Protein backbone atom coordinates (compact mmCIF):
# COMPACT_ATOMS: atom_id res chain seq x y z
CA MET A 1 -77.37 -70.98 39.54
CA GLN A 2 -77.28 -71.13 35.81
CA GLU A 3 -74.79 -74.08 35.10
CA PRO A 4 -76.77 -76.78 37.42
CA GLU A 5 -74.36 -79.84 36.33
CA ILE A 6 -71.28 -77.32 37.60
CA ALA A 7 -73.07 -76.60 41.07
CA TYR A 8 -73.38 -80.65 41.57
CA LEU A 9 -69.83 -81.40 40.81
CA THR A 10 -68.87 -78.44 43.06
CA LEU A 11 -70.94 -79.24 45.75
CA LYS A 12 -70.43 -83.03 45.68
CA GLU A 13 -66.54 -82.38 46.37
CA ALA A 14 -67.01 -79.94 48.76
CA LEU A 15 -69.36 -82.24 50.83
CA ALA A 16 -67.06 -85.32 49.99
CA ASN A 17 -64.04 -82.98 51.33
CA GLU A 18 -63.86 -83.97 55.00
CA GLU A 19 -61.75 -80.63 56.08
CA ALA A 20 -64.13 -78.51 54.49
CA ARG A 21 -66.85 -79.84 57.14
CA GLN A 22 -67.04 -77.22 59.29
CA GLY A 23 -70.33 -77.35 61.39
CA ALA A 24 -74.06 -78.38 61.03
CA LYS A 25 -75.23 -75.25 59.36
CA TYR A 26 -73.05 -75.50 56.43
CA LEU A 27 -73.82 -79.37 56.17
CA ALA A 28 -77.44 -78.63 55.87
CA ALA A 29 -76.69 -75.48 53.70
CA GLY A 30 -74.84 -77.84 51.28
CA TYR A 31 -76.78 -80.74 51.34
CA TYR A 32 -80.19 -78.73 50.33
CA ASN A 33 -78.26 -77.22 47.47
CA LEU A 34 -77.30 -80.24 46.25
CA GLY A 35 -80.61 -81.50 46.10
CA LEU A 36 -81.49 -78.76 43.95
CA ALA A 37 -78.89 -79.36 41.52
CA CYS A 38 -79.73 -82.65 41.59
CA ARG A 39 -82.98 -82.04 40.48
CA ARG A 40 -82.35 -79.61 38.15
CA THR A 41 -79.63 -82.73 36.56
CA GLY A 42 -82.51 -85.02 36.63
CA ARG A 43 -81.33 -86.79 39.77
CA GLU A 44 -84.25 -87.25 41.30
CA ALA A 45 -83.52 -90.02 43.70
CA GLU A 46 -79.96 -88.41 44.53
CA ALA A 47 -81.82 -85.23 45.17
CA ILE A 48 -84.53 -87.18 47.42
CA ARG A 49 -81.42 -88.49 49.84
CA ARG A 50 -79.66 -85.25 49.60
CA PHE A 51 -83.07 -82.93 50.81
CA ASN A 52 -83.39 -85.68 53.88
CA GLN A 53 -80.09 -85.04 54.77
CA ALA A 54 -80.16 -81.54 54.77
CA ILE A 55 -83.53 -81.97 57.24
CA ASP A 56 -81.29 -85.03 59.31
CA THR A 57 -78.05 -82.70 59.47
CA LEU A 58 -80.15 -79.36 61.61
CA PRO A 59 -83.84 -80.20 61.57
CA HIS A 60 -85.21 -76.53 62.64
CA SER A 61 -82.93 -74.75 60.03
CA ILE A 62 -83.96 -72.79 56.83
CA TYR A 63 -82.30 -75.41 55.09
CA ALA A 64 -84.24 -78.16 56.26
CA HIS A 65 -87.35 -76.29 55.89
CA GLY A 66 -86.44 -75.60 52.35
CA ALA A 67 -85.74 -79.34 51.77
CA ARG A 68 -89.46 -80.28 52.84
CA GLN A 69 -91.01 -77.60 50.67
CA ALA A 70 -88.98 -79.27 47.93
CA LEU A 71 -89.91 -82.62 48.56
CA LYS A 72 -93.39 -81.64 49.27
CA LYS A 73 -93.61 -79.86 45.86
CA LYS A 74 -91.94 -83.33 43.89
CA SER A 75 -94.48 -85.53 45.42
CA GLN A 76 -97.77 -83.56 45.21
CA PRO A 77 -99.32 -84.77 41.73
CA PRO A 78 -100.06 -82.36 39.13
CA THR A 79 -103.42 -80.35 39.28
CA GLY A 80 -105.10 -80.43 35.89
CA ASP A 81 -106.88 -77.34 35.24
């Protein structure tokens, strides 16, 4: 998304709304995408929490896989060529 701050606010509001929770797949997708929005807006600690929520919500989903990849990518030290 071109506006990560708007994505962050929209996703956070959607996940906070109890009525919007329609199942683990949607929650995992929401947490994963919120993690991406957090990372893009400089909220790294919250991004890590959201990625872990995606993994905990639906461990074998594509969203959990993406979250694991995002956590690995950030935790790897930069390579000096």
